[in-house]
Amino acid sequence: MILVSLTLLTGIDEIMMIVRSIDPLFLMGLFLLQIFTLSMVSYQWYFMFKNTENEISFHEVFTIHMAGKFVESVTPSSKFGGETAKVYLFKKKMGKTYQNMVSYLLAHKFISLLPFLVLSLIFLVIASIRFYLPSVVYLSFSMLIFLFISLLILIYWKKVRFDSEDIISDERKVLLIILNKLKKGIEFISRSANDVKKILSRSDRNKLFAISFLVWILYPVKVYLVATALGFEVGLIISIIATYSAYLVSMLPVSPGGLGTFEGTMATVFMISELSFTEGMAIALLARSATFLFPLILSAVCTTYLVKMDGLKIFSIGDPVDSH
């Protein structure tokens, strides 16, 4: 709805006129580059599973990763829905406990988030010196920093304690039930976080960090290539700032896959380089055709394959607090 409203307000005819000027062969190349990006992220999961007793092929990892991307793309859950789906599907495929799979999830989040935060911080500092960015960009970055610090606390604190008996004595029974549920959830996450340090060695982490940096660097490169292909003189630095700003804002749980918030933020930032909002929207829409629409179609195919071949119920995920 947000994306449709922005497109209508901007002028769909003018946007479509710009979009139609793109070379279809260039678009195919962009799709192939996105497949490479998706494969790199899937390889990170495959690499983490390499030392486990349960063998899983790269094809299976890629398919499950894409099924998670599908859930992420159709739900406004800021990636949490997609990550929950991956945990569920990997557990079903590998026969591991939820606690084991949450440990892998936390490890992957750490590996993928840190490079993005470092790159975002660098270019947000550059942007704050030279340009004016919407306040929501800095708000989104602050929220992501808070989540990342929380993840670090979970991983590196030896033990997270939460004793409901210290907090409540003769209160009502319903409050005790809520606190016990909360305690159970925190203890589950704490056990999973303590296992993260056992999953990867330092050399393994460095290798996966390098892949994450490559993946995050490729995203603004795609945007820059789109802008250049459309004939706009947009610098690489502006493309990087626009891309990371858009991704930061799109992580807010406002719409499925950040639809509308991503495109609107990117178009706004591109106005810094004296492009019109319409031209910025055209760049954003074409870039998203490769980074969102194409993966959405591919992920829908992978999800259908999993449901038909393995009988998995993607949207019937049970309570992950149970470690069995």
Protein backbone atom coordinates (compact mmCIF):
# COMPACT_ATOMS: atom_id res chain seq x y z
CA MET A 1 0.00 0.00 0.00
CA ILE A 2 2.83 2.42 0.87
CA LEU A 3 4.64 1.61 -2.38
CA VAL A 4 1.47 1.97 -4.47
CA SER A 5 0.69 5.33 -2.85
CA LEU A 6 4.22 6.63 -3.45
CA THR A 7 4.13 5.49 -7.07
CA LEU A 8 0.76 7.11 -7.75
CA LEU A 9 1.75 10.36 -6.06
CA THR A 10 5.06 10.49 -7.93
CA GLY A 11 3.53 9.80 -11.32
CA ILE A 12 3.40 6.25 -12.57
CA ASP A 13 3.57 7.24 -16.26
CA GLU A 14 6.78 9.18 -15.79
CA ILE A 15 8.33 6.37 -13.72
CA MET A 16 7.38 3.74 -16.30
CA MET A 17 8.85 5.84 -19.09
CA ILE A 18 12.20 5.86 -17.27
CA VAL A 19 12.01 2.17 -16.36
CA ARG A 20 11.26 1.10 -19.95
CA SER A 21 14.57 2.60 -21.09
CA ILE A 22 16.53 -0.13 -19.32
CA ASP A 23 18.23 -2.81 -21.43
CA PRO A 24 16.66 -6.25 -20.74
CA LEU A 25 20.10 -7.87 -20.98
CA PHE A 26 21.34 -5.55 -18.24
CA LEU A 27 18.39 -6.62 -16.09
CA MET A 28 19.26 -10.28 -16.67
CA GLY A 29 22.82 -9.57 -15.56
CA LEU A 30 21.46 -7.89 -12.44
CA PHE A 31 19.35 -10.98 -11.68
CA LEU A 32 22.43 -13.21 -12.03
CA LEU A 33 24.35 -10.95 -9.66
CA GLN A 34 21.50 -11.29 -7.15
CA ILE A 35 21.61 -15.08 -7.47
CA PHE A 36 25.31 -14.89 -6.65
CA THR A 37 24.51 -12.77 -3.58
CA LEU A 38 21.83 -15.20 -2.39
CA SER A 39 24.21 -18.11 -2.95
CA MET A 40 26.88 -16.44 -0.82
CA VAL A 41 24.46 -16.04 2.11
CA SER A 42 23.32 -19.66 1.68
CA TYR A 43 26.96 -20.75 1.66
CA GLN A 44 27.43 -19.11 5.05
CA TRP A 45 24.73 -21.36 6.49
CA TYR A 46 26.20 -24.38 4.67
CA PHE A 47 29.67 -23.55 6.00
CA MET A 48 28.37 -23.37 9.60
CA PHE A 49 26.73 -26.79 9.22
CA LYS A 50 29.82 -28.47 7.73
CA ASN A 51 31.08 -29.86 11.06
CA THR A 52 27.74 -31.23 12.22
CA GLU A 53 26.85 -34.91 12.27
CA ASN A 54 23.74 -34.26 10.18
CA GLU A 55 24.72 -33.88 6.53
CA ILE A 56 22.84 -31.35 4.45
CA SER A 57 23.57 -30.42 0.84
CA PHE A 58 24.12 -26.89 -0.43
CA HIS A 59 21.00 -27.29 -2.59
CA GLU A 60 18.92 -28.04 0.51
CA VAL A 61 20.43 -25.11 2.42
CA PHE A 62 19.76 -22.75 -0.50
CA THR A 63 16.15 -23.94 -0.80
CA ILE A 64 15.47 -23.50 2.93
CA HIS A 65 17.18 -20.10 2.95
CA MET A 66 14.93 -18.98 0.09
CA ALA A 67 11.83 -20.32 1.83
CA GLY A 68 12.78 -18.18 4.82
CA LYS A 69 13.20 -15.22 2.47
CA PHE A 70 9.66 -15.82 1.20
CA VAL A 71 8.17 -15.64 4.72
CA GLU A 72 10.28 -12.55 5.40
CA SER A 73 9.06 -10.88 2.20
CA VAL A 74 5.34 -11.40 2.82
CA THR A 75 5.22 -10.55 6.54
CA PRO A 76 5.93 -7.16 8.19
CA SER A 77 8.10 -8.76 10.88
CA SER A 78 11.46 -7.11 10.15
CA LYS A 79 13.11 -10.47 9.26
CA PHE A 80 11.95 -12.24 12.44
CA GLY A 81 9.31 -14.22 10.56
CA GLY A 82 11.82 -15.39 7.97
CA GLU A 83 14.43 -16.32 10.57
CA THR A 84 11.87 -18.28 12.59
CA ALA A 85 10.91 -20.17 9.42
CA LYS A 86 14.57 -21.03 8.76
CA VAL A 87 15.01 -22.36 12.29
CA TYR A 88 11.90 -24.50 11.90
CA LEU A 89 12.86 -25.82 8.46
CA PHE A 90 16.50 -26.56 9.31
CA LYS A 91 15.34 -28.36 12.46
CA LYS A 92 12.97 -30.52 10.43
CA LYS A 93 15.60 -31.27 7.78
CA MET A 94 18.53 -31.95 10.13
CA GLY A 95 16.73 -33.44 13.13
CA LYS A 96 18.31 -31.03 15.59
CA THR A 97 16.71 -29.31 18.57
CA TYR A 98 15.34 -25.80 18.45
CA GLN A 99 18.06 -24.75 20.87
CA ASN A 100 20.75 -25.99 18.46
CA MET A 101 19.21 -24.16 15.53
CA VAL A 102 18.74 -20.91 17.45
CA SER A 103 22.47 -21.07 18.25
CA TYR A 104 23.24 -21.19 14.52
CA LEU A 105 20.76 -18.37 13.91
CA LEU A 106 22.40 -16.13 16.51
CA ALA A 107 25.83 -16.90 15.05
CA HIS A 108 24.67 -15.99 11.56
CA LYS A 109 22.99 -12.80 12.75
CA PHE A 110 26.25 -11.75 14.41
CA ILE A 111 28.25 -12.56 11.26
CA SER A 112 25.86 -10.70 8.93
CA LEU A 113 24.94 -7.70 11.12
CA LEU A 114 28.40 -6.55 12.18
CA PRO A 115 29.69 -5.78 8.64
CA PHE A 116 26.45 -3.98 7.79
CA LEU A 117 26.69 -1.88 10.96
CA VAL A 118 30.34 -1.01 10.28
CA LEU A 119 29.64 0.02 6.67
CA SER A 120 26.48 1.91 7.66
CA LEU A 121 28.32 3.78 10.43
CA ILE A 122 31.13 4.84 8.07
CA PHE A 123 28.82 6.21 5.41
CA LEU A 124 26.33 7.73 7.85
CA VAL A 125 29.21 9.71 9.35
CA ILE A 126 30.20 10.87 5.85
CA ALA A 127 26.57 11.73 5.10
CA SER A 128 26.10 13.66 8.36
CA ILE A 129 29.09 15.86 7.48
CA ARG A 130 28.14 16.59 3.88
CA PHE A 131 24.38 16.00 3.54
CA TYR A 132 21.06 16.03 5.35
CA LEU A 133 19.41 12.65 5.81
CA PRO A 134 15.90 11.95 7.16
CA SER A 135 15.84 11.50 10.94
CA VAL A 136 14.25 8.08 10.55
CA VAL A 137 17.52 6.79 9.07
CA TYR A 138 19.44 7.62 12.26
CA LEU A 139 16.57 6.28 14.38
CA SER A 140 16.65 2.97 12.51
CA PHE A 141 20.43 2.75 12.88
CA SER A 142 20.15 3.39 16.63
CA MET A 143 17.56 0.64 16.99
CA LEU A 144 19.75 -1.79 15.05
CA ILE A 145 22.74 -0.91 17.26
CA PHE A 146 20.60 -1.63 20.33
CA LEU A 147 19.57 -5.03 18.94
CA PHE A 148 23.18 -5.87 18.06
CA ILE A 149 24.41 -4.95 21.56
CA SER A 150 21.66 -7.13 23.01
CA LEU A 151 22.89 -9.98 20.81
CA LEU A 152 26.47 -9.46 22.04
CA ILE A 153 25.28 -9.55 25.65
CA LEU A 154 23.49 -12.84 25.02
CA ILE A 155 26.53 -14.40 23.36
CA TYR A 156 29.31 -13.25 25.67
CA TRP A 157 27.68 -13.17 29.10
CA LYS A 158 28.37 -16.49 30.76
CA LYS A 159 24.85 -16.76 32.13
CA VAL A 160 21.66 -14.80 31.98
CA ARG A 161 19.78 -15.12 35.26
CA PHE A 162 16.12 -14.52 35.68
CA ASP A 163 14.62 -15.81 38.88
CA SER A 164 10.92 -15.09 39.17
CA GLU A 165 10.95 -16.08 42.84
CA ASP A 166 13.18 -13.07 43.59
CA ILE A 167 10.72 -10.76 41.92
CA ILE A 168 7.36 -12.08 43.07
CA SER A 169 6.17 -13.65 46.30
CA ASP A 170 2.43 -13.62 46.94
CA GLU A 171 1.26 -11.88 43.78
CA ARG A 172 -1.57 -13.16 41.69
CA LYS A 173 -1.15 -16.53 39.98
CA VAL A 174 -1.55 -15.10 36.47
CA LEU A 175 1.48 -12.85 36.96
CA LEU A 176 3.53 -15.83 38.17
CA ILE A 177 2.56 -17.77 35.03
CA ILE A 178 3.65 -14.86 32.81
CA LEU A 179 6.96 -14.53 34.64
CA ASN A 180 7.63 -18.26 34.40
CA LYS A 181 6.98 -18.15 30.66
CA LEU A 182 9.34 -15.22 30.34
CA LYS A 183 11.95 -17.01 32.43
CA LYS A 184 11.64 -20.10 30.24
CA GLY A 185 12.13 -18.04 27.08
CA ILE A 186 15.14 -16.14 28.44
CA GLU A 187 16.80 -19.32 29.68
CA PHE A 188 16.25 -20.95 26.28
CA ILE A 189 17.85 -18.01 24.44
CA SER A 190 20.66 -17.92 27.02
CA ARG A 191 21.51 -21.61 26.49
CA SER A 192 21.46 -21.11 22.72
CA ALA A 193 23.67 -18.02 22.97
CA ASN A 194 26.22 -19.88 25.11
CA ASP A 195 26.50 -22.49 22.33
CA VAL A 196 27.29 -19.86 19.67
CA LYS A 197 30.96 -19.62 20.69
CA LYS A 198 31.36 -23.37 20.08
CA ILE A 199 30.09 -23.25 16.50
CA LEU A 200 32.83 -21.24 14.75
CA SER A 201 36.56 -20.85 15.22
CA ARG A 202 38.25 -17.47 14.77
CA SER A 203 39.37 -18.35 11.23
CA ASP A 204 35.84 -19.52 10.39
CA ARG A 205 34.40 -16.25 11.64
CA ASN A 206 36.90 -14.23 9.61
CA LYS A 207 35.98 -16.11 6.46
CA LEU A 208 32.26 -15.57 7.02
CA PHE A 209 32.82 -11.91 7.90
CA ALA A 210 34.60 -11.46 4.55
CA ILE A 211 31.62 -12.97 2.74
CA SER A 212 29.22 -10.68 4.62
CA PHE A 213 31.26 -7.61 3.69
CA LEU A 214 31.19 -8.71 0.05
CA VAL A 215 27.42 -9.25 0.15
CA TRP A 216 26.74 -5.84 1.70
CA ILE A 217 29.13 -4.08 -0.68
CA LEU A 218 27.39 -5.63 -3.68
CA TYR A 219 23.99 -4.11 -2.79
CA PRO A 220 24.97 -0.46 -3.40
CA VAL A 221 26.99 -1.56 -6.43
CA LYS A 222 23.75 -2.91 -7.95
CA VAL A 223 22.00 0.38 -7.24
CA TYR A 224 24.88 2.33 -8.78
CA LEU A 225 24.80 0.12 -11.88
CA VAL A 226 21.04 0.70 -12.25
CA ALA A 227 21.45 4.48 -11.95
CA THR A 228 24.27 4.45 -14.51
CA ALA A 229 22.28 2.23 -16.90
CA LEU A 230 19.40 4.72 -16.74
CA GLY A 231 21.77 7.52 -17.68
CA PHE A 232 21.84 9.33 -14.33
CA GLU A 233 25.09 10.83 -13.11
CA VAL A 234 25.04 9.52 -9.58
CA GLY A 235 28.25 9.04 -7.63
CA LEU A 236 29.11 5.75 -5.97
CA ILE A 237 29.21 7.40 -2.52
CA ILE A 238 25.64 8.71 -2.92
CA SER A 239 24.53 5.27 -4.13
CA ILE A 240 26.06 3.67 -1.04
CA ILE A 241 24.46 6.18 1.33
CA ALA A 242 21.08 5.82 -0.40
CA THR A 243 21.25 2.03 -0.29
CA TYR A 244 22.26 1.66 3.35
CA SER A 245 19.78 4.35 4.43
CA ALA A 246 17.00 2.53 2.58
CA TYR A 247 17.91 -0.83 4.13
CA LEU A 248 18.06 0.67 7.61
CA VAL A 249 14.58 2.17 7.32
CA SER A 250 13.16 -0.94 5.63
CA MET A 251 14.13 -2.99 8.70
CA LEU A 252 11.43 -1.23 10.70
CA PRO A 253 8.43 -3.62 10.92
CA VAL A 254 6.09 -1.35 8.96
CA SER A 255 5.42 -3.29 5.76
CA PRO A 256 6.26 -6.71 4.25
CA GLY A 257 9.84 -6.69 2.99
CA GLY A 258 10.08 -2.97 3.68
CA LEU A 259 7.93 -2.21 0.63
CA GLY A 260 7.43 1.52 0.30
CA THR A 261 9.75 2.53 3.12
CA PHE A 262 12.79 1.29 1.18
CA GLU A 263 11.85 2.95 -2.10
CA GLY A 264 10.71 6.21 -0.49
CA THR A 265 13.91 6.53 1.54
CA MET A 266 16.15 5.79 -1.43
CA ALA A 267 14.32 8.29 -3.67
CA THR A 268 14.59 10.94 -0.95
CA VAL A 269 18.34 10.43 -0.50
CA PHE A 270 18.95 10.53 -4.26
CA MET A 271 17.50 14.03 -4.29
CA ILE A 272 20.82 15.04 -2.69
CA SER A 273 22.47 14.47 -6.07
CA GLU A 274 19.91 16.76 -7.72
CA LEU A 275 17.73 13.96 -9.07
CA SER A 276 13.98 14.38 -8.88
CA PHE A 277 11.95 12.18 -6.53
CA THR A 278 10.51 10.47 -9.63
CA GLU A 279 13.97 9.62 -10.97
CA GLY A 280 15.00 8.33 -7.55
CA MET A 281 11.88 6.17 -7.41
CA ALA A 282 12.69 4.73 -10.86
CA ILE A 283 16.16 3.74 -9.65
CA ALA A 284 14.75 2.25 -6.46
CA LEU A 285 12.05 0.25 -8.27
CA LEU A 286 14.47 -1.20 -10.80
CA ALA A 287 17.01 -2.07 -8.11
CA ARG A 288 14.25 -3.72 -6.07
CA SER A 289 13.12 -5.74 -9.07
CA ALA A 290 16.47 -7.52 -8.73
CA THR A 291 16.89 -7.51 -4.95
CA PHE A 292 13.26 -8.04 -3.86
CA LEU A 293 10.83 -8.99 -6.67
CA PHE A 294 13.08 -11.52 -8.40
CA PRO A 295 14.09 -13.21 -5.09
CA LEU A 296 10.41 -13.19 -4.06
CA ILE A 297 9.47 -15.17 -7.16
CA LEU A 298 12.44 -17.52 -6.70
CA SER A 299 11.66 -17.97 -3.01
CA ALA A 300 8.00 -18.73 -3.79
CA VAL A 301 9.18 -21.52 -6.12
CA CYS A 302 11.51 -22.89 -3.43
CA THR A 303 8.75 -22.74 -0.80
CA THR A 304 6.33 -24.57 -3.09
CA TYR A 305 9.00 -27.21 -3.73
CA LEU A 306 9.55 -27.75 0.01
CA VAL A 307 5.85 -27.99 0.74
CA LYS A 308 5.20 -30.48 -2.08
CA MET A 309 8.35 -32.60 -1.77
CA ASP A 310 8.77 -32.69 2.02
CA GLY A 311 5.26 -31.86 3.20
CA LEU A 312 6.59 -29.06 5.38
CA LYS A 313 4.13 -26.51 6.76
CA ILE A 314 5.91 -23.18 6.46
CA PHE A 315 3.21 -21.16 8.21
CA SER A 316 2.47 -23.70 10.98
CA ILE A 317 5.48 -23.14 13.15
CA GLY A 318 5.22 -24.37 16.71
CA ASP A 319 6.53 -22.88 19.93
CA PRO A 320 10.36 -22.74 19.57
CA VAL A 321 10.90 -22.53 23.31
CA ASP A 322 10.57 -26.29 23.56
CA SER A 323 14.08 -27.64 22.92
CA HIS A 324 12.83 -30.86 21.30
